[in-house]
Amino acid sequence: MNKPTRQRPLMYGLSTCGWCRKARTWLEERFGEGGFDLVYVDLLPTEEKMQVMQELRKYTPSPAFPMVLADDECIIGYREDEYRRVFGA
């Protein structure tokens, strides 16, 4: 997977999370379906899940979902105001 950019963000989420669904919908409206990368952490095999969680701890000691990465920014939670700031309205 390439480094996430403002043109191609990366979202980490949980498949059962309502806030993750809202974030995914926002990103789909902004970038189109397939215009961003999406990883459902809870659906990963155990070893891969542990690696991803370790990677996410670089941004925060207690990862929470959704997490949207773009350039050097990490937005934790469904925060529409921050999505607009980073990606434009």
PDB file of N, CA and C in Angstrom:
ATOM      1  N   MET A   1       0.848  -1.175   0.000  1.00  0.00           N
ATOM      2  CA  MET A   1       0.000   0.000   0.000  1.00  0.00           C
ATOM      3  C   MET A   1       0.895   1.241   0.000  1.00  0.00           C
ATOM      4  N   ASN A   2       0.568   2.193  -0.849  1.00  0.00           N
ATOM      5  CA  ASN A   2       1.347   3.420  -0.924  1.00  0.00           C
ATOM      6  C   ASN A   2       1.103   4.293   0.300  1.00  0.00           C
ATOM      7  N   LYS A   3       2.013   5.242   0.509  1.00  0.00           N
ATOM      8  CA  LYS A   3       1.853   6.187   1.609  1.00  0.00           C
ATOM      9  C   LYS A   3       0.583   7.002   1.376  1.00  0.00           C
ATOM     10  N   PRO A   4      -0.265   7.127   2.411  1.00  0.00           N
ATOM     11  CA  PRO A   4      -1.502   7.882   2.239  1.00  0.00           C
ATOM     12  C   PRO A   4      -1.210   9.362   1.966  1.00  0.00           C
ATOM     13  N   THR A   5      -1.958   9.952   1.051  1.00  0.00           N
ATOM     14  CA  THR A   5      -1.835  11.368   0.727  1.00  0.00           C
ATOM     15  C   THR A   5      -3.208  12.008   0.796  1.00  0.00           C
ATOM     16  N   ARG A   6      -3.233  13.318   0.638  1.00  0.00           N
ATOM     17  CA  ARG A   6      -4.533  14.004   0.625  1.00  0.00           C
ATOM     18  C   ARG A   6      -5.369  13.547  -0.573  1.00  0.00           C
ATOM     19  N   GLN A   7      -4.702  13.102  -1.629  1.00  0.00           N
ATOM     20  CA  GLN A   7      -5.428  12.617  -2.791  1.00  0.00           C
ATOM     21  C   GLN A   7      -5.884  11.160  -2.605  1.00  0.00           C
ATOM     22  N   ARG A   8      -5.171  10.416  -1.783  1.00  0.00           N
ATOM     23  CA  ARG A   8      -5.509   9.004  -1.550  1.00  0.00           C
ATOM     24  C   ARG A   8      -5.362   8.691  -0.061  1.00  0.00           C
ATOM     25  N   PRO A   9      -6.362   9.059   0.741  1.00  0.00           N
ATOM     26  CA  PRO A   9      -6.291   8.796   2.178  1.00  0.00           C
ATOM     27  C   PRO A   9      -6.432   7.312   2.503  1.00  0.00           C
ATOM     28  N   LEU A  10      -6.093   6.987   3.725  1.00  0.00           N
ATOM     29  CA  LEU A  10      -6.186   5.630   4.243  1.00  0.00           C
ATOM     30  C   LEU A  10      -7.014   5.672   5.523  1.00  0.00           C
ATOM     31  N   MET A  11      -8.048   4.840   5.570  1.00  0.00           N
ATOM     32  CA  MET A  11      -8.901   4.784   6.751  1.00  0.00           C
ATOM     33  C   MET A  11      -8.775   3.412   7.391  1.00  0.00           C
ATOM     34  N   TYR A  12      -8.523   3.406   8.704  1.00  0.00           N
ATOM     35  CA  TYR A  12      -8.579   2.185   9.502  1.00  0.00           C
ATOM     36  C   TYR A  12      -9.883   2.244  10.285  1.00  0.00           C
ATOM     37  N   GLY A  13     -10.627   1.154  10.254  1.00  0.00           N
ATOM     38  CA  GLY A  13     -11.901   1.131  10.953  1.00  0.00           C
ATOM     39  C   GLY A  13     -12.251  -0.263  11.432  1.00  0.00           C
ATOM     40  N   LEU A  14     -13.440  -0.359  11.995  1.00  0.00           N
ATOM     41  CA  LEU A  14     -13.994  -1.634  12.433  1.00  0.00           C
ATOM     42  C   LEU A  14     -15.274  -1.865  11.633  1.00  0.00           C
ATOM     43  N   SER A  15     -15.473  -3.090  11.194  1.00  0.00           N
ATOM     44  CA  SER A  15     -16.608  -3.394  10.322  1.00  0.00           C
ATOM     45  C   SER A  15     -17.959  -3.198  11.009  1.00  0.00           C
ATOM     46  N   THR A  16     -17.998  -3.212  12.325  1.00  0.00           N
ATOM     47  CA  THR A  16     -19.251  -3.101  13.069  1.00  0.00           C
ATOM     48  C   THR A  16     -19.482  -1.711  13.669  1.00  0.00           C
ATOM     49  N   CYS A  17     -18.597  -0.774  13.397  1.00  0.00           N
ATOM     50  CA  CYS A  17     -18.615   0.552  14.027  1.00  0.00           C
ATOM     51  C   CYS A  17     -19.460   1.544  13.214  1.00  0.00           C
ATOM     52  N   GLY A  18     -20.457   2.133  13.879  1.00  0.00           N
ATOM     53  CA  GLY A  18     -21.300   3.130  13.226  1.00  0.00           C
ATOM     54  C   GLY A  18     -20.536   4.381  12.818  1.00  0.00           C
ATOM     55  N   TRP A  19     -19.601   4.822  13.669  1.00  0.00           N
ATOM     56  CA  TRP A  19     -18.799   6.012  13.336  1.00  0.00           C
ATOM     57  C   TRP A  19     -17.882   5.732  12.152  1.00  0.00           C
ATOM     58  N   CYS A  20     -17.400   4.501  12.060  1.00  0.00           N
ATOM     59  CA  CYS A  20     -16.569   4.117  10.917  1.00  0.00           C
ATOM     60  C   CYS A  20     -17.394   4.139   9.632  1.00  0.00           C
ATOM     61  N   ARG A  21     -18.648   3.709   9.722  1.00  0.00           N
ATOM     62  CA  ARG A  21     -19.542   3.752   8.553  1.00  0.00           C
ATOM     63  C   ARG A  21     -19.751   5.194   8.105  1.00  0.00           C
ATOM     64  N   LYS A  22     -19.941   6.093   9.070  1.00  0.00           N
ATOM     65  CA  LYS A  22     -20.126   7.507   8.725  1.00  0.00           C
ATOM     66  C   LYS A  22     -18.869   8.077   8.073  1.00  0.00           C
ATOM     67  N   ALA A  23     -17.705   7.734   8.605  1.00  0.00           N
ATOM     68  CA  ALA A  23     -16.446   8.216   8.024  1.00  0.00           C
ATOM     69  C   ALA A  23     -16.276   7.663   6.610  1.00  0.00           C
ATOM     70  N   ARG A  24     -16.576   6.393   6.434  1.00  0.00           N
ATOM     71  CA  ARG A  24     -16.467   5.784   5.102  1.00  0.00           C
ATOM     72  C   ARG A  24     -17.403   6.488   4.121  1.00  0.00           C
ATOM     73  N   THR A  25     -18.632   6.761   4.543  1.00  0.00           N
ATOM     74  CA  THR A  25     -19.582   7.457   3.676  1.00  0.00           C
ATOM     75  C   THR A  25     -19.056   8.834   3.298  1.00  0.00           C
ATOM     76  N   TRP A  26     -18.500   9.563   4.270  1.00  0.00           N
ATOM     77  CA  TRP A  26     -17.960  10.895   3.992  1.00  0.00           C
ATOM     78  C   TRP A  26     -16.832  10.798   2.963  1.00  0.00           C
ATOM     79  N   LEU A  27     -15.928   9.848   3.166  1.00  0.00           N
ATOM     80  CA  LEU A  27     -14.816   9.688   2.236  1.00  0.00           C
ATOM     81  C   LEU A  27     -15.302   9.263   0.848  1.00  0.00           C
ATOM     82  N   GLU A  28     -16.308   8.394   0.779  1.00  0.00           N
ATOM     83  CA  GLU A  28     -16.854   7.990  -0.515  1.00  0.00           C
ATOM     84  C   GLU A  28     -17.491   9.168  -1.235  1.00  0.00           C
ATOM     85  N   GLU A  29     -18.193  10.040  -0.511  1.00  0.00           N
ATOM     86  CA  GLU A  29     -18.796  11.224  -1.126  1.00  0.00           C
ATOM     87  C   GLU A  29     -17.724  12.179  -1.631  1.00  0.00           C
ATOM     88  N   ARG A  30     -16.608  12.265  -0.909  1.00  0.00           N
ATOM     89  CA  ARG A  30     -15.531  13.200  -1.285  1.00  0.00           C
ATOM     90  C   ARG A  30     -14.625  12.633  -2.374  1.00  0.00           C
ATOM     91  N   PHE A  31     -14.255  11.356  -2.277  1.00  0.00           N
ATOM     92  CA  PHE A  31     -13.261  10.764  -3.174  1.00  0.00           C
ATOM     93  C   PHE A  31     -13.835   9.738  -4.143  1.00  0.00           C
ATOM     94  N   GLY A  32     -15.095   9.366  -3.955  1.00  0.00           N
ATOM     95  CA  GLY A  32     -15.690   8.334  -4.791  1.00  0.00           C
ATOM     96  C   GLY A  32     -15.350   6.956  -4.251  1.00  0.00           C
ATOM     97  N   GLU A  33     -16.161   5.998  -4.623  1.00  0.00           N
ATOM     98  CA  GLU A  33     -15.939   4.627  -4.184  1.00  0.00           C
ATOM     99  C   GLU A  33     -14.610   4.143  -4.767  1.00  0.00           C
ATOM    100  N   GLY A  34     -13.739   3.632  -3.929  1.00  0.00           N
ATOM    101  CA  GLY A  34     -12.426   3.191  -4.378  1.00  0.00           C
ATOM    102  C   GLY A  34     -11.392   4.304  -4.455  1.00  0.00           C
ATOM    103  N   GLY A  35     -11.766   5.524  -4.051  1.00  0.00           N
ATOM    104  CA  GLY A  35     -10.845   6.658  -4.106  1.00  0.00           C
ATOM    105  C   GLY A  35      -9.996   6.820  -2.856  1.00  0.00           C
ATOM    106  N   PHE A  36     -10.108   5.866  -1.950  1.00  0.00           N
ATOM    107  CA  PHE A  36      -9.308   5.871  -0.729  1.00  0.00           C
ATOM    108  C   PHE A  36      -9.110   4.421  -0.324  1.00  0.00           C
ATOM    109  N   ASP A  37      -8.136   4.185   0.529  1.00  0.00           N
ATOM    110  CA  ASP A  37      -7.871   2.833   1.013  1.00  0.00           C
ATOM    111  C   ASP A  37      -8.586   2.633   2.337  1.00  0.00           C
ATOM    112  N   LEU A  38      -9.117   1.434   2.531  1.00  0.00           N
ATOM    113  CA  LEU A  38      -9.880   1.119   3.731  1.00  0.00           C
ATOM    114  C   LEU A  38      -9.414  -0.221   4.279  1.00  0.00           C
ATOM    115  N   VAL A  39      -9.101  -0.232   5.571  1.00  0.00           N
ATOM    116  CA  VAL A  39      -8.707  -1.464   6.252  1.00  0.00           C
ATOM    117  C   VAL A  39      -9.625  -1.652   7.451  1.00  0.00           C
ATOM    118  N   TYR A  40     -10.378  -2.748   7.447  1.00  0.00           N
ATOM    119  CA  TYR A  40     -11.169  -3.102   8.619  1.00  0.00           C
ATOM    120  C   TYR A  40     -10.286  -3.963   9.509  1.00  0.00           C
ATOM    121  N   VAL A  41      -9.811  -3.386  10.572  1.00  0.00           N
ATOM    122  CA  VAL A  41      -8.837  -4.027  11.456  1.00  0.00           C
ATOM    123  C   VAL A  41      -9.400  -5.306  12.075  1.00  0.00           C
ATOM    124  N   ASP A  42     -10.679  -5.305  12.430  1.00  0.00           N
ATOM    125  CA  ASP A  42     -11.259  -6.477  13.079  1.00  0.00           C
ATOM    126  C   ASP A  42     -11.389  -7.682  12.139  1.00  0.00           C
ATOM    127  N   LEU A  43     -11.269  -7.478  10.847  1.00  0.00           N
ATOM    128  CA  LEU A  43     -11.375  -8.574   9.882  1.00  0.00           C
ATOM    129  C   LEU A  43     -10.018  -9.139   9.461  1.00  0.00           C
ATOM    130  N   LEU A  44      -8.939  -8.544   9.966  1.00  0.00           N
ATOM    131  CA  LEU A  44      -7.593  -9.009   9.617  1.00  0.00           C
ATOM    132  C   LEU A  44      -7.244 -10.275  10.393  1.00  0.00           C
ATOM    133  N   PRO A  45      -6.387 -11.116   9.811  1.00  0.00           N
ATOM    134  CA  PRO A  45      -5.861 -12.248  10.584  1.00  0.00           C
ATOM    135  C   PRO A  45      -5.107 -11.726  11.815  1.00  0.00           C
ATOM    136  N   THR A  46      -5.051 -12.514  12.862  1.00  0.00           N
ATOM    137  CA  THR A  46      -4.502 -12.080  14.146  1.00  0.00           C
ATOM    138  C   THR A  46      -3.117 -11.461  14.027  1.00  0.00           C
ATOM    139  N   GLU A  47      -2.209 -12.107  13.333  1.00  0.00           N
ATOM    140  CA  GLU A  47      -0.844 -11.584  13.234  1.00  0.00           C
ATOM    141  C   GLU A  47      -0.815 -10.234  12.514  1.00  0.00           C
ATOM    142  N   GLU A  48      -1.565 -10.119  11.437  1.00  0.00           N
ATOM    143  CA  GLU A  48      -1.612  -8.855  10.695  1.00  0.00           C
ATOM    144  C   GLU A  48      -2.280  -7.766  11.540  1.00  0.00           C
ATOM    145  N   LYS A  49      -3.313  -8.131  12.291  1.00  0.00           N
ATOM    146  CA  LYS A  49      -3.996  -7.182  13.169  1.00  0.00           C
ATOM    147  C   LYS A  49      -3.025  -6.630  14.210  1.00  0.00           C
ATOM    148  N   MET A  50      -2.199  -7.499  14.774  1.00  0.00           N
ATOM    149  CA  MET A  50      -1.219  -7.056  15.771  1.00  0.00           C
ATOM    150  C   MET A  50      -0.215  -6.090  15.141  1.00  0.00           C
ATOM    151  N   GLN A  51       0.209  -6.349  13.919  1.00  0.00           N
ATOM    152  CA  GLN A  51       1.146  -5.462  13.226  1.00  0.00           C
ATOM    153  C   GLN A  51       0.511  -4.099  12.964  1.00  0.00           C
ATOM    154  N   VAL A  52      -0.734  -4.109  12.508  1.00  0.00           N
ATOM    155  CA  VAL A  52      -1.430  -2.849  12.236  1.00  0.00           C
ATOM    156  C   VAL A  52      -1.599  -2.050  13.522  1.00  0.00           C
ATOM    157  N   MET A  53      -2.008  -2.704  14.605  1.00  0.00           N
ATOM    158  CA  MET A  53      -2.184  -1.998  15.876  1.00  0.00           C
ATOM    159  C   MET A  53      -0.869  -1.387  16.356  1.00  0.00           C
ATOM    160  N   GLN A  54       0.224  -2.101  16.164  1.00  0.00           N
ATOM    161  CA  GLN A  54       1.528  -1.565  16.531  1.00  0.00           C
ATOM    162  C   GLN A  54       1.851  -0.335  15.677  1.00  0.00           C
ATOM    163  N   GLU A  55       1.536  -0.372  14.399  1.00  0.00           N
ATOM    164  CA  GLU A  55       1.757   0.767  13.510  1.00  0.00           C
ATOM    165  C   GLU A  55       0.896   1.961  13.942  1.00  0.00           C
ATOM    166  N   LEU A  56      -0.350   1.706  14.310  1.00  0.00           N
ATOM    167  CA  LEU A  56      -1.250   2.788  14.712  1.00  0.00           C
ATOM    168  C   LEU A  56      -0.818   3.436  16.020  1.00  0.00           C
ATOM    169  N   ARG A  57      -0.122   2.708  16.861  1.00  0.00           N
ATOM    170  CA  ARG A  57       0.369   3.278  18.127  1.00  0.00           C
ATOM    171  C   ARG A  57       1.445   4.342  17.904  1.00  0.00           C
ATOM    172  N   LYS A  58       1.949   4.446  16.698  1.00  0.00           N
ATOM    173  CA  LYS A  58       2.872   5.543  16.379  1.00  0.00           C
ATOM    174  C   LYS A  58       2.139   6.878  16.401  1.00  0.00           C
ATOM    175  N   TYR A  59       0.826   6.837  16.174  1.00  0.00           N
ATOM    176  CA  TYR A  59       0.021   8.056  16.143  1.00  0.00           C
ATOM    177  C   TYR A  59      -0.616   8.368  17.485  1.00  0.00           C
ATOM    178  N   THR A  60      -0.946   7.327  18.237  1.00  0.00           N
ATOM    179  CA  THR A  60      -1.586   7.509  19.541  1.00  0.00           C
ATOM    180  C   THR A  60      -1.376   6.239  20.366  1.00  0.00           C
ATOM    181  N   PRO A  61      -1.152   6.361  21.662  1.00  0.00           N
ATOM    182  CA  PRO A  61      -0.915   5.166  22.485  1.00  0.00           C
ATOM    183  C   PRO A  61      -2.136   4.246  22.565  1.00  0.00           C
ATOM    184  N   SER A  62      -3.329   4.809  22.399  1.00  0.00           N
ATOM    185  CA  SER A  62      -4.557   4.007  22.474  1.00  0.00           C
ATOM    186  C   SER A  62      -5.369   4.225  21.204  1.00  0.00           C
ATOM    187  N   PRO A  63      -5.078   3.468  20.148  1.00  0.00           N
ATOM    188  CA  PRO A  63      -5.813   3.666  18.896  1.00  0.00           C
ATOM    189  C   PRO A  63      -7.323   3.531  19.090  1.00  0.00           C
ATOM    190  N   ALA A  64      -8.045   4.393  18.406  1.00  0.00           N
ATOM    191  CA  ALA A  64      -9.501   4.369  18.395  1.00  0.00           C
ATOM    192  C   ALA A  64      -9.931   4.490  16.935  1.00  0.00           C
ATOM    193  N   PHE A  65     -11.139   4.100  16.650  1.00  0.00           N
ATOM    194  CA  PHE A  65     -11.574   4.054  15.267  1.00  0.00           C
ATOM    195  C   PHE A  65     -12.817   4.905  15.059  1.00  0.00           C
ATOM    196  N   PRO A  66     -12.919   5.474  13.847  1.00  0.00           N
ATOM    197  CA  PRO A  66     -12.016   5.359  12.710  1.00  0.00           C
ATOM    198  C   PRO A  66     -10.757   6.199  12.890  1.00  0.00           C
ATOM    199  N   MET A  67      -9.719   5.823  12.150  1.00  0.00           N
ATOM    200  CA  MET A  67      -8.492   6.606  12.041  1.00  0.00           C
ATOM    201  C   MET A  67      -8.271   6.856  10.554  1.00  0.00           C
ATOM    202  N   VAL A  68      -8.165   8.127  10.189  1.00  0.00           N
ATOM    203  CA  VAL A  68      -7.966   8.496   8.791  1.00  0.00           C
ATOM    204  C   VAL A  68      -6.598   9.150   8.677  1.00  0.00           C
ATOM    205  N   LEU A  69      -5.756   8.590   7.806  1.00  0.00           N
ATOM    206  CA  LEU A  69      -4.403   9.097   7.597  1.00  0.00           C
ATOM    207  C   LEU A  69      -4.309   9.759   6.228  1.00  0.00           C
ATOM    208  N   ALA A  70      -3.606  10.883   6.199  1.00  0.00           N
ATOM    209  CA  ALA A  70      -3.347  11.592   4.955  1.00  0.00           C
ATOM    210  C   ALA A  70      -2.109  12.444   5.166  1.00  0.00           C
ATOM    211  N   ASP A  71      -1.133  12.287   4.278  1.00  0.00           N
ATOM    212  CA  ASP A  71       0.146  12.975   4.442  1.00  0.00           C
ATOM    213  C   ASP A  71       0.650  12.694   5.852  1.00  0.00           C
ATOM    214  N   ASP A  72       0.945  13.712   6.633  1.00  0.00           N
ATOM    215  CA  ASP A  72       1.429  13.504   7.995  1.00  0.00           C
ATOM    216  C   ASP A  72       0.333  13.735   9.027  1.00  0.00           C
ATOM    217  N   GLU A  73      -0.905  13.732   8.600  1.00  0.00           N
ATOM    218  CA  GLU A  73      -2.049  13.970   9.486  1.00  0.00           C
ATOM    219  C   GLU A  73      -2.703  12.651   9.876  1.00  0.00           C
ATOM    220  N   CYS A  74      -3.220  12.599  11.084  1.00  0.00           N
ATOM    221  CA  CYS A  74      -3.991  11.460  11.565  1.00  0.00           C
ATOM    222  C   CYS A  74      -5.220  12.022  12.278  1.00  0.00           C
ATOM    223  N   ILE A  75      -6.384  11.695  11.747  1.00  0.00           N
ATOM    224  CA  ILE A  75      -7.632  12.154  12.353  1.00  0.00           C
ATOM    225  C   ILE A  75      -8.262  10.949  13.045  1.00  0.00           C
ATOM    226  N   ILE A  76      -8.459  11.060  14.335  1.00  0.00           N
ATOM    227  CA  ILE A  76      -9.003   9.957  15.128  1.00  0.00           C
ATOM    228  C   ILE A  76     -10.464  10.260  15.438  1.00  0.00           C
ATOM    229  N   GLY A  77     -11.320   9.332  15.089  1.00  0.00           N
ATOM    230  CA  GLY A  77     -12.749   9.497  15.305  1.00  0.00           C
ATOM    231  C   GLY A  77     -13.419  10.114  14.095  1.00  0.00           C
ATOM    232  N   TYR A  78     -14.737  10.139  14.127  1.00  0.00           N
ATOM    233  CA  TYR A  78     -15.498  10.772  13.051  1.00  0.00           C
ATOM    234  C   TYR A  78     -15.560  12.258  13.349  1.00  0.00           C
ATOM    235  N   ARG A  79     -14.741  13.023  12.618  1.00  0.00           N
ATOM    236  CA  ARG A  79     -14.618  14.460  12.868  1.00  0.00           C
ATOM    237  C   ARG A  79     -14.726  15.186  11.541  1.00  0.00           C
ATOM    238  N   GLU A  80     -15.954  15.440  11.139  1.00  0.00           N
ATOM    239  CA  GLU A  80     -16.221  16.036   9.835  1.00  0.00           C
ATOM    240  C   GLU A  80     -15.493  17.364   9.643  1.00  0.00           C
ATOM    241  N   ASP A  81     -15.395  18.170  10.706  1.00  0.00           N
ATOM    242  CA  ASP A  81     -14.689  19.450  10.608  1.00  0.00           C
ATOM    243  C   ASP A  81     -13.216  19.243  10.263  1.00  0.00           C
ATOM    244  N   GLU A  82     -12.603  18.229  10.840  1.00  0.00           N
ATOM    245  CA  GLU A  82     -11.196  17.934  10.539  1.00  0.00           C
ATOM    246  C   GLU A  82     -11.051  17.355   9.134  1.00  0.00           C
ATOM    247  N   TYR A  83     -12.000  16.533   8.711  1.00  0.00           N
ATOM    248  CA  TYR A  83     -11.957  15.990   7.341  1.00  0.00           C
ATOM    249  C   TYR A  83     -12.015  17.138   6.345  1.00  0.00           C
ATOM    250  N   ARG A  84     -12.914  18.102   6.589  1.00  0.00           N
ATOM    251  CA  ARG A  84     -13.009  19.262   5.682  1.00  0.00           C
ATOM    252  C   ARG A  84     -11.720  20.076   5.686  1.00  0.00           C
ATOM    253  N   ARG A  85     -11.135  20.262   6.869  1.00  0.00           N
ATOM    254  CA  ARG A  85      -9.899  21.039   6.960  1.00  0.00           C
ATOM    255  C   ARG A  85      -8.786  20.377   6.161  1.00  0.00           C
ATOM    256  N   VAL A  86      -8.656  19.066   6.296  1.00  0.00           N
ATOM    257  CA  VAL A  86      -7.566  18.355   5.643  1.00  0.00           C
ATOM    258  C   VAL A  86      -7.825  18.143   4.145  1.00  0.00           C
ATOM    259  N   PHE A  87      -9.056  17.779   3.802  1.00  0.00           N
ATOM    260  CA  PHE A  87      -9.355  17.407   2.415  1.00  0.00           C
ATOM    261  C   PHE A  87     -10.087  18.458   1.624  1.00  0.00           C
ATOM    262  N   GLY A  88     -10.503  19.537   2.279  1.00  0.00           N
ATOM    263  CA  GLY A  88     -11.294  20.561   1.597  1.00  0.00           C
ATOM    264  C   GLY A  88     -12.761  20.161   1.614  1.00  0.00           C
ATOM    265  N   ALA A  89     -13.619  21.147   1.464  1.00  0.00           N
ATOM    266  CA  ALA A  89     -15.072  20.883   1.547  1.00  0.00           C
ATOM    267  C   ALA A  89     -15.613  20.264   0.277  1.00  0.00           C
TER     268      ALA A  89
END
